[in-house]
């Protein structure tokens, strides 16, 4: 009986090890494919932004912030957005925030973060070719995306955004 107990214990340990390896491999595949999809789902440069009522010709360069009140990366990026808005305040760059929530809710959210955006619109994120939040778009006077940045940006990428608006 002692021999059977020992064999059973070894079999159970091998089964647990196999299950652990399988779960680890599947989790790694899911993580890897998620990162690949995020990289491939960037807004398309040259795509037309469809925001009804927006006159893109007001400015040669327009800044669109695609955000959501439920996005913690948007909240964590508030300091960058404040700096960005101060930097473009007197440059004649039109700034528009697009959020899927109602304008009053969105404005309250932005005000709570200390972000003062002149125009806050409600709309689906795909109307600005954004698949995730936060997304920052540089849009030309014809409404076409010229540059795009997705996700919470590292300091060097934040500098890239600011430099592209100078």
N, C-alpha and C. Protein backbone atom coordinates (compact mmCIF):
# COMPACT_ATOMS: atom_id res chain seq x y z
N UNK A 1 0.83 -1.19 0.00
CA UNK A 1 0.00 0.00 0.00
C UNK A 1 0.87 1.25 0.00
N UNK A 2 1.97 1.22 0.67
CA UNK A 2 2.88 2.34 0.73
C UNK A 2 3.41 2.68 -0.66
N UNK A 3 3.68 1.64 -1.48
CA UNK A 3 4.17 1.86 -2.83
C UNK A 3 3.09 2.55 -3.69
N UNK A 4 1.82 2.14 -3.52
CA UNK A 4 0.73 2.74 -4.29
C UNK A 4 0.50 4.19 -3.87
N UNK A 5 0.63 4.49 -2.63
CA UNK A 5 0.48 5.86 -2.14
C UNK A 5 1.56 6.76 -2.73
N UNK A 6 2.77 6.23 -2.77
CA UNK A 6 3.88 7.00 -3.32
C UNK A 6 3.67 7.25 -4.82
N UNK A 7 3.22 6.24 -5.55
CA UNK A 7 2.97 6.39 -7.00
C UNK A 7 1.83 7.38 -7.25
N UNK A 8 0.79 7.31 -6.43
CA UNK A 8 -0.33 8.23 -6.56
C UNK A 8 0.12 9.67 -6.30
N UNK A 9 0.95 9.85 -5.29
CA UNK A 9 1.48 11.18 -4.97
C UNK A 9 2.30 11.73 -6.14
N UNK A 10 3.13 10.90 -6.75
CA UNK A 10 3.94 11.33 -7.89
C UNK A 10 3.03 11.69 -9.07
N UNK A 11 2.01 10.88 -9.32
CA UNK A 11 1.07 11.14 -10.43
C UNK A 11 0.33 12.46 -10.22
N UNK A 12 -0.10 12.71 -9.01
CA UNK A 12 -0.81 13.97 -8.70
C UNK A 12 0.14 15.16 -8.88
N UNK A 13 1.36 15.06 -8.42
CA UNK A 13 2.34 16.14 -8.59
C UNK A 13 2.62 16.41 -10.07
N UNK A 14 2.72 15.35 -10.87
CA UNK A 14 2.93 15.53 -12.31
C UNK A 14 1.71 16.21 -12.94
N UNK A 15 0.51 15.82 -12.54
CA UNK A 15 -0.72 16.43 -13.07
C UNK A 15 -0.79 17.91 -12.71
N UNK A 16 -0.43 18.24 -11.49
CA UNK A 16 -0.43 19.65 -11.05
C UNK A 16 0.60 20.45 -11.85
N UNK A 17 1.77 19.88 -12.06
CA UNK A 17 2.80 20.56 -12.84
C UNK A 17 2.35 20.78 -14.28
N UNK A 18 1.73 19.78 -14.89
CA UNK A 18 1.22 19.92 -16.26
C UNK A 18 0.14 21.01 -16.33
N UNK A 19 -0.75 21.04 -15.36
CA UNK A 19 -1.80 22.06 -15.33
C UNK A 19 -1.19 23.46 -15.20
N UNK A 20 -0.19 23.59 -14.34
CA UNK A 20 0.48 24.88 -14.16
C UNK A 20 1.14 25.34 -15.45
N UNK A 21 1.84 24.45 -16.13
CA UNK A 21 2.51 24.79 -17.38
C UNK A 21 1.48 25.20 -18.44
N UNK A 22 0.38 24.48 -18.53
CA UNK A 22 -0.67 24.79 -19.50
C UNK A 22 -1.27 26.17 -19.24
N UNK A 23 -1.60 26.46 -18.00
CA UNK A 23 -2.17 27.77 -17.65
C UNK A 23 -1.17 28.89 -17.94
N UNK A 24 0.08 28.67 -17.62
CA UNK A 24 1.12 29.68 -17.87
C UNK A 24 1.27 29.95 -19.37
N UNK A 25 1.30 28.90 -20.17
CA UNK A 25 1.43 29.07 -21.62
C UNK A 25 0.22 29.81 -22.19
N UNK A 26 -0.99 29.43 -21.78
CA UNK A 26 -2.19 30.09 -22.28
C UNK A 26 -2.25 31.56 -21.87
N UNK A 27 -1.87 31.85 -20.63
CA UNK A 27 -1.86 33.24 -20.16
C UNK A 27 -0.83 34.05 -20.95
N UNK A 28 0.33 33.47 -21.20
CA UNK A 28 1.35 34.15 -21.98
C UNK A 28 0.90 34.44 -23.39
N UNK A 29 0.23 33.48 -24.01
CA UNK A 29 -0.29 33.68 -25.37
C UNK A 29 -1.32 34.79 -25.40
N UNK A 30 -2.21 34.80 -24.42
CA UNK A 30 -3.25 35.84 -24.37
C UNK A 30 -2.63 37.22 -24.18
N UNK A 31 -1.65 37.30 -23.29
CA UNK A 31 -0.97 38.57 -23.04
C UNK A 31 -0.25 39.03 -24.30
N UNK A 32 0.47 38.14 -24.93
CA UNK A 32 1.23 38.49 -26.13
C UNK A 32 0.30 38.92 -27.27
N UNK A 33 -0.79 38.20 -27.50
CA UNK A 33 -1.71 38.56 -28.59
C UNK A 33 -2.42 39.87 -28.27
N UNK A 34 -2.69 40.14 -26.99
CA UNK A 34 -3.31 41.41 -26.61
C UNK A 34 -2.40 42.58 -26.91
N UNK A 35 -1.10 42.43 -26.64
CA UNK A 35 -0.15 43.50 -26.94
C UNK A 35 -0.01 43.70 -28.44
N UNK A 36 0.00 42.61 -29.19
CA UNK A 36 0.10 42.72 -30.65
C UNK A 36 -1.13 43.42 -31.20
N UNK A 37 -2.32 43.07 -30.69
CA UNK A 37 -3.54 43.72 -31.16
C UNK A 37 -3.54 45.19 -30.81
N UNK A 38 -3.06 45.56 -29.64
CA UNK A 38 -3.00 46.96 -29.24
C UNK A 38 -2.08 47.74 -30.17
N UNK A 39 -0.95 47.14 -30.55
CA UNK A 39 -0.03 47.83 -31.45
C UNK A 39 -0.64 47.98 -32.84
N UNK A 40 -1.41 46.98 -33.26
CA UNK A 40 -1.97 46.99 -34.60
C UNK A 40 -3.28 47.76 -34.68
N UNK A 41 -3.84 48.17 -33.56
CA UNK A 41 -5.13 48.83 -33.58
C UNK A 41 -5.00 50.34 -33.42
N UNK A 42 -3.86 50.86 -33.77
CA UNK A 42 -3.65 52.30 -33.69
C UNK A 42 -4.51 53.00 -34.72
N UNK A 43 -4.88 54.25 -34.47
CA UNK A 43 -5.60 55.00 -35.49
C UNK A 43 -4.79 55.06 -36.79
N UNK A 44 -5.49 54.99 -37.89
CA UNK A 44 -4.82 54.98 -39.19
C UNK A 44 -4.45 56.40 -39.62
N UNK A 45 -3.17 56.62 -39.87
CA UNK A 45 -2.71 57.93 -40.35
C UNK A 45 -3.33 58.17 -41.72
N UNK A 46 -3.93 59.34 -41.88
CA UNK A 46 -4.60 59.68 -43.14
C UNK A 46 -6.09 59.43 -43.11
N UNK A 47 -6.57 58.72 -42.07
CA UNK A 47 -8.01 58.45 -41.96
C UNK A 47 -8.75 59.74 -41.64
N UNK A 48 -9.95 59.87 -42.14
CA UNK A 48 -10.78 61.05 -41.89
C UNK A 48 -11.50 60.86 -40.56
N UNK A 49 -11.47 61.90 -39.74
CA UNK A 49 -12.15 61.88 -38.45
C UNK A 49 -13.57 62.37 -38.65
N UNK A 50 -14.53 61.57 -38.21
CA UNK A 50 -15.95 61.88 -38.42
C UNK A 50 -16.59 62.42 -37.15
N UNK A 51 -16.45 63.71 -36.93
CA UNK A 51 -17.11 64.35 -35.79
C UNK A 51 -18.08 65.39 -36.32
N UNK A 52 -19.37 65.10 -36.28
CA UNK A 52 -20.35 66.05 -36.81
C UNK A 52 -20.26 67.41 -36.12
N UNK A 53 -20.34 68.44 -36.91
CA UNK A 53 -20.35 69.80 -36.39
C UNK A 53 -18.97 70.40 -36.13
N UNK A 54 -17.91 69.65 -36.33
CA UNK A 54 -16.57 70.17 -36.09
C UNK A 54 -16.02 70.75 -37.39
N UNK A 55 -15.59 71.99 -37.31
CA UNK A 55 -14.99 72.66 -38.47
C UNK A 55 -13.47 72.56 -38.34
N UNK A 56 -12.90 71.57 -39.01
CA UNK A 56 -11.47 71.32 -38.93
C UNK A 56 -10.66 72.46 -39.54
N UNK A 57 -11.26 73.19 -40.47
CA UNK A 57 -10.52 74.25 -41.15
C UNK A 57 -10.27 75.46 -40.26
N UNK A 58 -10.78 75.48 -39.04
CA UNK A 58 -10.50 76.57 -38.10
C UNK A 58 -9.02 76.67 -37.80
N UNK A 59 -8.32 75.54 -37.94
CA UNK A 59 -6.91 75.49 -37.59
C UNK A 59 -6.19 74.50 -38.50
N UNK A 60 -4.94 74.81 -38.79
CA UNK A 60 -4.12 73.87 -39.57
C UNK A 60 -3.84 72.61 -38.76
N UNK A 61 -3.74 72.78 -37.45
CA UNK A 61 -3.50 71.66 -36.55
C UNK A 61 -4.58 71.63 -35.48
N UNK A 62 -5.21 70.48 -35.33
CA UNK A 62 -6.25 70.27 -34.35
C UNK A 62 -5.83 69.12 -33.45
N UNK A 63 -6.11 69.26 -32.17
CA UNK A 63 -5.74 68.25 -31.20
C UNK A 63 -7.02 67.60 -30.69
N UNK A 64 -7.09 66.28 -30.82
CA UNK A 64 -8.26 65.54 -30.34
C UNK A 64 -7.80 64.60 -29.23
N UNK A 65 -8.49 64.69 -28.10
CA UNK A 65 -8.22 63.81 -26.97
C UNK A 65 -9.40 62.85 -26.86
N UNK A 66 -9.18 61.58 -27.12
CA UNK A 66 -10.21 60.56 -26.97
C UNK A 66 -10.03 59.95 -25.59
N UNK A 67 -10.98 60.23 -24.70
CA UNK A 67 -10.87 59.84 -23.30
C UNK A 67 -12.14 59.15 -22.84
N UNK A 68 -12.13 58.68 -21.62
CA UNK A 68 -13.31 58.11 -21.00
C UNK A 68 -13.24 58.35 -19.50
N UNK A 69 -14.39 58.60 -18.91
CA UNK A 69 -14.43 58.83 -17.46
C UNK A 69 -14.08 57.57 -16.68
N UNK A 70 -14.14 56.41 -17.33
CA UNK A 70 -13.85 55.14 -16.66
C UNK A 70 -12.43 54.65 -16.92
N UNK A 71 -11.63 55.45 -17.59
CA UNK A 71 -10.28 55.05 -17.97
C UNK A 71 -9.28 55.56 -16.93
N UNK A 72 -8.67 54.64 -16.18
CA UNK A 72 -7.72 55.09 -15.15
C UNK A 72 -6.45 55.64 -15.78
N UNK A 73 -6.08 55.21 -16.99
CA UNK A 73 -4.91 55.78 -17.65
C UNK A 73 -5.17 57.23 -18.05
N UNK A 74 -6.42 57.54 -18.40
CA UNK A 74 -6.78 58.93 -18.71
C UNK A 74 -6.58 59.81 -17.47
N UNK A 75 -7.06 59.32 -16.34
CA UNK A 75 -6.91 60.07 -15.08
C UNK A 75 -5.44 60.22 -14.71
N UNK A 76 -4.67 59.14 -14.89
CA UNK A 76 -3.24 59.18 -14.56
C UNK A 76 -2.47 60.13 -15.49
N UNK A 77 -3.01 60.40 -16.66
CA UNK A 77 -2.35 61.27 -17.64
C UNK A 77 -2.78 62.73 -17.52
N UNK A 78 -3.58 63.05 -16.52
CA UNK A 78 -4.12 64.41 -16.38
C UNK A 78 -3.03 65.47 -16.35
N UNK A 79 -1.95 65.23 -15.65
CA UNK A 79 -0.86 66.20 -15.57
C UNK A 79 -0.30 66.52 -16.96
N UNK A 80 -0.14 65.50 -17.77
CA UNK A 80 0.35 65.70 -19.13
C UNK A 80 -0.65 66.52 -19.95
N UNK A 81 -1.94 66.21 -19.83
CA UNK A 81 -2.94 66.95 -20.61
C UNK A 81 -2.99 68.42 -20.19
N UNK A 82 -2.85 68.70 -18.89
CA UNK A 82 -2.81 70.09 -18.43
C UNK A 82 -1.63 70.82 -19.06
N UNK A 83 -0.47 70.19 -19.03
CA UNK A 83 0.75 70.77 -19.60
C UNK A 83 0.57 70.98 -21.11
N UNK A 84 0.01 70.00 -21.77
CA UNK A 84 -0.21 70.07 -23.21
C UNK A 84 -1.16 71.22 -23.57
N UNK A 85 -2.24 71.35 -22.83
CA UNK A 85 -3.22 72.41 -23.11
C UNK A 85 -2.64 73.79 -22.83
N UNK A 86 -1.82 73.92 -21.80
CA UNK A 86 -1.17 75.20 -21.53
C UNK A 86 -0.21 75.54 -22.67
N UNK A 87 0.47 74.53 -23.19
CA UNK A 87 1.46 74.73 -24.25
C UNK A 87 0.81 75.17 -25.56
N UNK A 88 -0.40 74.70 -25.84
CA UNK A 88 -1.05 75.04 -27.12
C UNK A 88 -2.05 76.18 -26.99
N UNK A 89 -2.23 76.72 -25.78
CA UNK A 89 -3.27 77.71 -25.53
C UNK A 89 -3.24 78.90 -26.47
N UNK A 90 -2.07 79.42 -26.78
CA UNK A 90 -1.99 80.62 -27.62
C UNK A 90 -1.40 80.34 -29.01
N UNK A 91 -1.52 79.13 -29.47
CA UNK A 91 -0.95 78.75 -30.77
C UNK A 91 -2.00 78.62 -31.87
N UNK A 92 -3.26 78.88 -31.54
CA UNK A 92 -4.31 78.76 -32.54
C UNK A 92 -4.65 77.32 -32.88
N UNK A 93 -4.35 76.41 -31.98
CA UNK A 93 -4.66 74.99 -32.19
C UNK A 93 -6.00 74.69 -31.54
N UNK A 94 -6.91 74.16 -32.34
CA UNK A 94 -8.23 73.79 -31.83
C UNK A 94 -8.07 72.49 -31.02
N UNK A 95 -8.65 72.47 -29.81
CA UNK A 95 -8.57 71.29 -28.95
C UNK A 95 -9.98 70.79 -28.68
N UNK A 96 -10.16 69.48 -28.91
CA UNK A 96 -11.46 68.85 -28.74
C UNK A 96 -11.27 67.58 -27.93
N UNK A 97 -12.11 67.40 -26.92
CA UNK A 97 -12.12 66.15 -26.17
C UNK A 97 -13.36 65.37 -26.59
N UNK A 98 -13.17 64.10 -26.87
CA UNK A 98 -14.28 63.23 -27.25
C UNK A 98 -14.35 62.11 -26.22
N UNK A 99 -15.51 61.99 -25.59
CA UNK A 99 -15.73 60.95 -24.59
C UNK A 99 -17.06 60.26 -24.89
N UNK A 100 -17.19 58.98 -24.58
CA UNK A 100 -18.45 58.30 -24.84
C UNK A 100 -19.56 58.68 -23.86
N UNK A 101 -19.20 59.30 -22.74
CA UNK A 101 -20.18 59.68 -21.74
C UNK A 101 -20.86 61.01 -22.13
N UNK A 102 -21.96 61.30 -21.46
CA UNK A 102 -22.71 62.54 -21.70
C UNK A 102 -21.81 63.75 -21.45
N UNK A 103 -22.01 64.82 -22.24
CA UNK A 103 -21.14 66.00 -22.10
C UNK A 103 -21.05 66.56 -20.68
N UNK A 104 -22.17 66.61 -19.96
CA UNK A 104 -22.13 67.15 -18.60
C UNK A 104 -21.27 66.27 -17.68
N UNK A 105 -21.40 64.96 -17.82
CA UNK A 105 -20.60 64.03 -17.03
C UNK A 105 -19.12 64.16 -17.41
N UNK A 106 -18.86 64.26 -18.70
CA UNK A 106 -17.49 64.38 -19.19
C UNK A 106 -16.85 65.67 -18.71
N UNK A 107 -17.60 66.77 -18.79
CA UNK A 107 -17.06 68.07 -18.37
C UNK A 107 -16.75 68.04 -16.87
N UNK A 108 -17.62 67.45 -16.07
CA UNK A 108 -17.40 67.33 -14.63
C UNK A 108 -16.13 66.51 -14.36
N UNK A 109 -15.97 65.42 -15.09
CA UNK A 109 -14.79 64.58 -14.95
C UNK A 109 -13.52 65.36 -15.28
N UNK A 110 -13.52 66.05 -16.42
CA UNK A 110 -12.35 66.83 -16.84
C UNK A 110 -12.06 67.96 -15.87
N UNK A 111 -13.09 68.66 -15.43
CA UNK A 111 -12.91 69.75 -14.45
C UNK A 111 -12.31 69.21 -13.16
N UNK A 112 -12.75 68.02 -12.74
CA UNK A 112 -12.22 67.40 -11.53
C UNK A 112 -10.74 67.07 -11.65
N UNK A 113 -10.29 66.82 -12.87
CA UNK A 113 -8.87 66.54 -13.12
C UNK A 113 -8.07 67.83 -13.35
N UNK A 114 -8.79 68.97 -13.43
CA UNK A 114 -8.12 70.24 -13.70
C UNK A 114 -7.77 70.43 -15.16
N UNK A 115 -8.48 69.72 -16.03
CA UNK A 115 -8.23 69.81 -17.47
C UNK A 115 -9.32 70.67 -18.09
N UNK A 116 -8.92 71.80 -18.64
CA UNK A 116 -9.88 72.74 -19.23
C UNK A 116 -9.81 72.64 -20.76
N UNK A 117 -10.72 71.86 -21.32
CA UNK A 117 -10.79 71.68 -22.77
C UNK A 117 -11.92 72.55 -23.31
N UNK A 118 -11.63 73.39 -24.32
CA UNK A 118 -12.65 74.30 -24.84
C UNK A 118 -13.89 73.59 -25.38
N UNK A 119 -13.71 72.46 -26.05
CA UNK A 119 -14.84 71.77 -26.66
C UNK A 119 -14.86 70.31 -26.23
N UNK A 120 -15.96 69.92 -25.58
CA UNK A 120 -16.13 68.54 -25.12
C UNK A 120 -17.33 67.95 -25.85
N UNK A 121 -17.08 66.88 -26.59
CA UNK A 121 -18.14 66.24 -27.37
C UNK A 121 -18.39 64.82 -26.89
N UNK A 122 -19.62 64.40 -27.04
CA UNK A 122 -19.96 63.02 -26.76
C UNK A 122 -19.99 62.27 -28.09
N UNK A 123 -19.35 61.12 -28.10
CA UNK A 123 -19.37 60.31 -29.30
C UNK A 123 -18.64 59.01 -29.09
N UNK A 124 -18.92 58.06 -29.96
CA UNK A 124 -18.19 56.80 -29.86
C UNK A 124 -16.72 57.01 -30.22
N UNK A 125 -15.87 56.28 -29.56
CA UNK A 125 -14.43 56.45 -29.80
C UNK A 125 -14.05 56.12 -31.23
N UNK A 126 -14.79 55.22 -31.86
CA UNK A 126 -14.44 54.89 -33.24
C UNK A 126 -14.75 56.03 -34.21
N UNK A 127 -15.49 57.05 -33.77
CA UNK A 127 -15.73 58.22 -34.62
C UNK A 127 -14.44 59.01 -34.85
N UNK A 128 -13.47 58.82 -33.95
CA UNK A 128 -12.16 59.45 -34.13
C UNK A 128 -11.09 58.39 -34.38
N UNK A 129 -11.53 57.22 -34.82
CA UNK A 129 -10.65 56.11 -35.18
C UNK A 129 -9.82 55.63 -33.99
N UNK A 130 -10.38 55.79 -32.78
CA UNK A 130 -9.69 55.34 -31.57
C UNK A 130 -10.31 54.03 -31.10
N UNK A 131 -9.47 53.07 -30.80
CA UNK A 131 -9.96 51.79 -30.31
C UNK A 131 -9.76 51.66 -28.81
N UNK A 132 -9.07 52.61 -28.21
CA UNK A 132 -8.84 52.57 -26.78
C UNK A 132 -8.57 53.96 -26.24
N UNK A 133 -8.54 54.05 -24.93
CA UNK A 133 -8.28 55.33 -24.30
C UNK A 133 -7.06 55.20 -23.40
N UNK A 134 -6.36 56.27 -23.23
CA UNK A 134 -6.48 57.55 -23.93
C UNK A 134 -5.83 57.49 -25.31
N UNK A 135 -6.35 58.30 -26.21
CA UNK A 135 -5.76 58.45 -27.54
C UNK A 135 -5.65 59.94 -27.81
N UNK A 136 -4.49 60.36 -28.30
CA UNK A 136 -4.25 61.76 -28.68
C UNK A 136 -4.02 61.77 -30.18
N UNK A 137 -4.77 62.62 -30.87
CA UNK A 137 -4.67 62.71 -32.33
C UNK A 137 -4.29 64.12 -32.75
N UNK A 138 -3.42 64.21 -33.72
CA UNK A 138 -3.13 65.46 -34.40
C UNK A 138 -3.85 65.38 -35.73
N UNK A 139 -4.80 66.27 -35.93
CA UNK A 139 -5.66 66.25 -37.11
C UNK A 139 -5.44 67.52 -37.91
N UNK A 140 -5.36 67.40 -39.23
CA UNK A 140 -5.12 68.57 -40.07
C UNK A 140 -6.41 69.33 -40.38
N UNK A 141 -6.31 70.38 -41.16
CA UNK A 141 -7.44 71.25 -41.48
C UNK A 141 -8.49 70.56 -42.35
N UNK A 142 -8.16 69.41 -42.90
CA UNK A 142 -9.13 68.65 -43.70
C UNK A 142 -9.76 67.51 -42.91
N UNK A 143 -9.41 67.42 -41.64
CA UNK A 143 -9.99 66.39 -40.79
C UNK A 143 -9.30 65.05 -40.88
N UNK A 144 -8.08 65.03 -41.39
CA UNK A 144 -7.34 63.77 -41.52
C UNK A 144 -6.31 63.64 -40.40
N UNK A 145 -6.18 62.43 -39.90
CA UNK A 145 -5.22 62.15 -38.83
C UNK A 145 -3.81 62.22 -39.39
N UNK A 146 -2.98 63.04 -38.77
CA UNK A 146 -1.57 63.17 -39.18
C UNK A 146 -0.64 62.41 -38.23
N UNK A 147 -0.98 62.41 -36.94
CA UNK A 147 -0.19 61.67 -35.96
C UNK A 147 -1.14 61.15 -34.88
N UNK A 148 -0.73 60.05 -34.25
CA UNK A 148 -1.58 59.46 -33.21
C UNK A 148 -0.71 58.85 -32.12
N UNK A 149 -1.17 58.99 -30.90
CA UNK A 149 -0.50 58.39 -29.74
C UNK A 149 -1.57 57.70 -28.91
N UNK A 150 -1.33 56.45 -28.56
CA UNK A 150 -2.32 55.65 -27.85
C UNK A 150 -1.77 55.19 -26.51
N UNK A 151 -2.62 55.27 -25.50
CA UNK A 151 -2.27 54.77 -24.17
C UNK A 151 -1.61 55.82 -23.30
N UNK A 152 -1.27 55.40 -22.10
CA UNK A 152 -0.56 56.29 -21.18
C UNK A 152 0.87 56.43 -21.71
N UNK A 153 1.26 57.65 -21.99
CA UNK A 153 2.55 57.89 -22.64
C UNK A 153 3.68 58.03 -21.65
N UNK A 154 4.81 57.49 -22.02
CA UNK A 154 6.04 57.69 -21.25
C UNK A 154 6.51 59.13 -21.49
N UNK A 155 7.35 59.68 -20.61
CA UNK A 155 7.79 61.07 -20.75
C UNK A 155 8.37 61.42 -22.13
N UNK A 156 9.14 60.52 -22.73
CA UNK A 156 9.72 60.84 -24.05
C UNK A 156 8.63 60.92 -25.12
N UNK A 157 7.57 60.10 -25.01
CA UNK A 157 6.46 60.16 -25.97
C UNK A 157 5.62 61.43 -25.73
N UNK A 158 5.50 61.85 -24.47
CA UNK A 158 4.81 63.10 -24.16
C UNK A 158 5.55 64.26 -24.83
N UNK A 159 6.88 64.24 -24.75
CA UNK A 159 7.70 65.27 -25.40
C UNK A 159 7.51 65.27 -26.90
N UNK A 160 7.33 64.08 -27.47
CA UNK A 160 7.09 63.97 -28.91
C UNK A 160 5.79 64.65 -29.31
N UNK A 161 4.75 64.48 -28.47
CA UNK A 161 3.45 65.11 -28.75
C UNK A 161 3.60 66.63 -28.71
N UNK A 162 4.23 67.12 -27.67
CA UNK A 162 4.42 68.57 -27.52
C UNK A 162 5.24 69.13 -28.66
N UNK A 163 6.32 68.44 -29.02
CA UNK A 163 7.18 68.91 -30.13
C UNK A 163 6.42 68.94 -31.45
N UNK A 164 5.52 68.02 -31.66
CA UNK A 164 4.79 67.99 -32.93
C UNK A 164 3.78 69.13 -33.06
N UNK A 165 3.49 69.78 -31.95
CA UNK A 165 2.54 70.89 -31.96
C UNK A 165 3.23 72.25 -32.00
N UNK A 166 4.53 72.26 -32.03
CA UNK A 166 5.28 73.54 -32.06
C UNK A 166 5.55 73.97 -33.46
